[in-house]
Amino acid sequence: MDALKTAQYARALYSAHGDQAEAEAAQKMRECKDAGNMQQARDWQAVRQSIRQIRGPNQG
């Protein structure tokens, strides 16, 4: 998945799920890994990282 598509998925997931979007992406990543779909797992990891950037640093 290219960077533009990754960013689009991340924005859509964040819009739909808010702060739970990162957990949703992590779950999808685990499901792909468990199914042996390593490329899709890497794509979901990239989406997860993009969501993390959208959210910004943790507020402590």
C-alpha atoms as a PDB file:
ATOM      1  CA  MET A   1       0.000   0.000   0.000  1.00  0.00           C
ATOM      2  CA  ASP A   2       1.424   3.392  -0.914  1.00  0.00           C
ATOM      3  CA  ALA A   3       1.776   6.259   1.546  1.00  0.00           C
ATOM      4  CA  LEU A   4      -1.214   8.189   0.192  1.00  0.00           C
ATOM      5  CA  LYS A   5      -3.552   5.221   0.543  1.00  0.00           C
ATOM      6  CA  THR A   6      -2.183   4.507   4.023  1.00  0.00           C
ATOM      7  CA  ALA A   7      -2.937   8.081   5.083  1.00  0.00           C
ATOM      8  CA  GLN A   8      -6.438   7.882   3.600  1.00  0.00           C
ATOM      9  CA  TYR A   9      -7.202   4.648   5.481  1.00  0.00           C
ATOM     10  CA  ALA A  10      -5.822   6.137   8.690  1.00  0.00           C
ATOM     11  CA  ARG A  11      -7.930   9.304   8.394  1.00  0.00           C
ATOM     12  CA  ALA A  12     -11.071   7.319   7.587  1.00  0.00           C
ATOM     13  CA  LEU A  13     -10.522   4.926  10.482  1.00  0.00           C
ATOM     14  CA  TYR A  14      -9.809   7.794  12.872  1.00  0.00           C
ATOM     15  CA  SER A  15     -12.934   9.632  11.715  1.00  0.00           C
ATOM     16  CA  ALA A  16     -15.040   6.521  12.256  1.00  0.00           C
ATOM     17  CA  HIS A  17     -13.525   5.283  15.526  1.00  0.00           C
ATOM     18  CA  GLY A  18     -11.826   8.276  17.151  1.00  0.00           C
ATOM     19  CA  ASP A  19      -9.294   7.320  19.792  1.00  0.00           C
ATOM     20  CA  GLN A  20     -10.138   3.620  19.330  1.00  0.00           C
ATOM     21  CA  ALA A  21      -8.860   3.704  15.732  1.00  0.00           C
ATOM     22  CA  GLU A  22      -5.323   2.727  16.693  1.00  0.00           C
ATOM     23  CA  ALA A  23      -6.595  -0.299  18.620  1.00  0.00           C
ATOM     24  CA  GLU A  24      -8.767  -1.249  15.645  1.00  0.00           C
ATOM     25  CA  ALA A  25      -5.759  -1.105  13.304  1.00  0.00           C
ATOM     26  CA  ALA A  26      -3.715  -3.176  15.776  1.00  0.00           C
ATOM     27  CA  GLN A  27      -6.455  -5.811  15.862  1.00  0.00           C
ATOM     28  CA  LYS A  28      -6.561  -5.972  12.053  1.00  0.00           C
ATOM     29  CA  MET A  29      -2.770  -6.300  12.017  1.00  0.00           C
ATOM     30  CA  ARG A  30      -2.900  -9.250  14.461  1.00  0.00           C
ATOM     31  CA  GLU A  31      -5.647 -10.947  12.450  1.00  0.00           C
ATOM     32  CA  CYS A  32      -3.575 -10.671   9.275  1.00  0.00           C
ATOM     33  CA  LYS A  33      -0.467 -12.009  11.017  1.00  0.00           C
ATOM     34  CA  ASP A  34      -2.426 -14.935  12.448  1.00  0.00           C
ATOM     35  CA  ALA A  35      -3.759 -15.714   8.970  1.00  0.00           C
ATOM     36  CA  GLY A  36      -0.241 -15.578   7.519  1.00  0.00           C
ATOM     37  CA  ASN A  37      -0.899 -12.427   5.458  1.00  0.00           C
ATOM     38  CA  MET A  38       2.326 -10.641   6.327  1.00  0.00           C
ATOM     39  CA  GLN A  39       2.036  -7.935   3.644  1.00  0.00           C
ATOM     40  CA  GLN A  40      -1.423  -6.959   4.856  1.00  0.00           C
ATOM     41  CA  ALA A  41      -0.121  -7.008   8.439  1.00  0.00           C
ATOM     42  CA  ARG A  42       2.627  -4.555   7.429  1.00  0.00           C
ATOM     43  CA  ASP A  43       0.022  -2.362   5.729  1.00  0.00           C
ATOM     44  CA  TRP A  44      -2.077  -2.267   8.905  1.00  0.00           C
ATOM     45  CA  GLN A  45       1.038  -1.469  10.940  1.00  0.00           C
ATOM     46  CA  ALA A  46       1.642   1.518   8.656  1.00  0.00           C
ATOM     47  CA  VAL A  47      -1.990   2.598   9.097  1.00  0.00           C
ATOM     48  CA  ARG A  48      -1.575   2.297  12.858  1.00  0.00           C
ATOM     49  CA  GLN A  49       1.523   4.486  12.806  1.00  0.00           C
ATOM     50  CA  SER A  50      -0.257   7.053  10.662  1.00  0.00           C
ATOM     51  CA  ILE A  51      -3.153   7.139  13.151  1.00  0.00           C
ATOM     52  CA  ARG A  52      -0.628   7.708  15.927  1.00  0.00           C
ATOM     53  CA  GLN A  53       0.685  10.727  14.013  1.00  0.00           C
ATOM     54  CA  ILE A  54      -2.843  12.058  13.502  1.00  0.00           C
ATOM     55  CA  ARG A  55      -3.570  11.765  17.232  1.00  0.00           C
ATOM     56  CA  GLY A  56      -0.356  13.538  18.173  1.00  0.00           C
ATOM     57  CA  PRO A  57       1.710  13.014  21.306  1.00  0.00           C
ATOM     58  CA  ASN A  58       0.071  11.518  24.373  1.00  0.00           C
ATOM     59  CA  GLN A  59      -1.238  14.073  26.797  1.00  0.00           C
ATOM     60  CA  GLY A  60       0.085  13.297  30.230  1.00  0.00           C
END
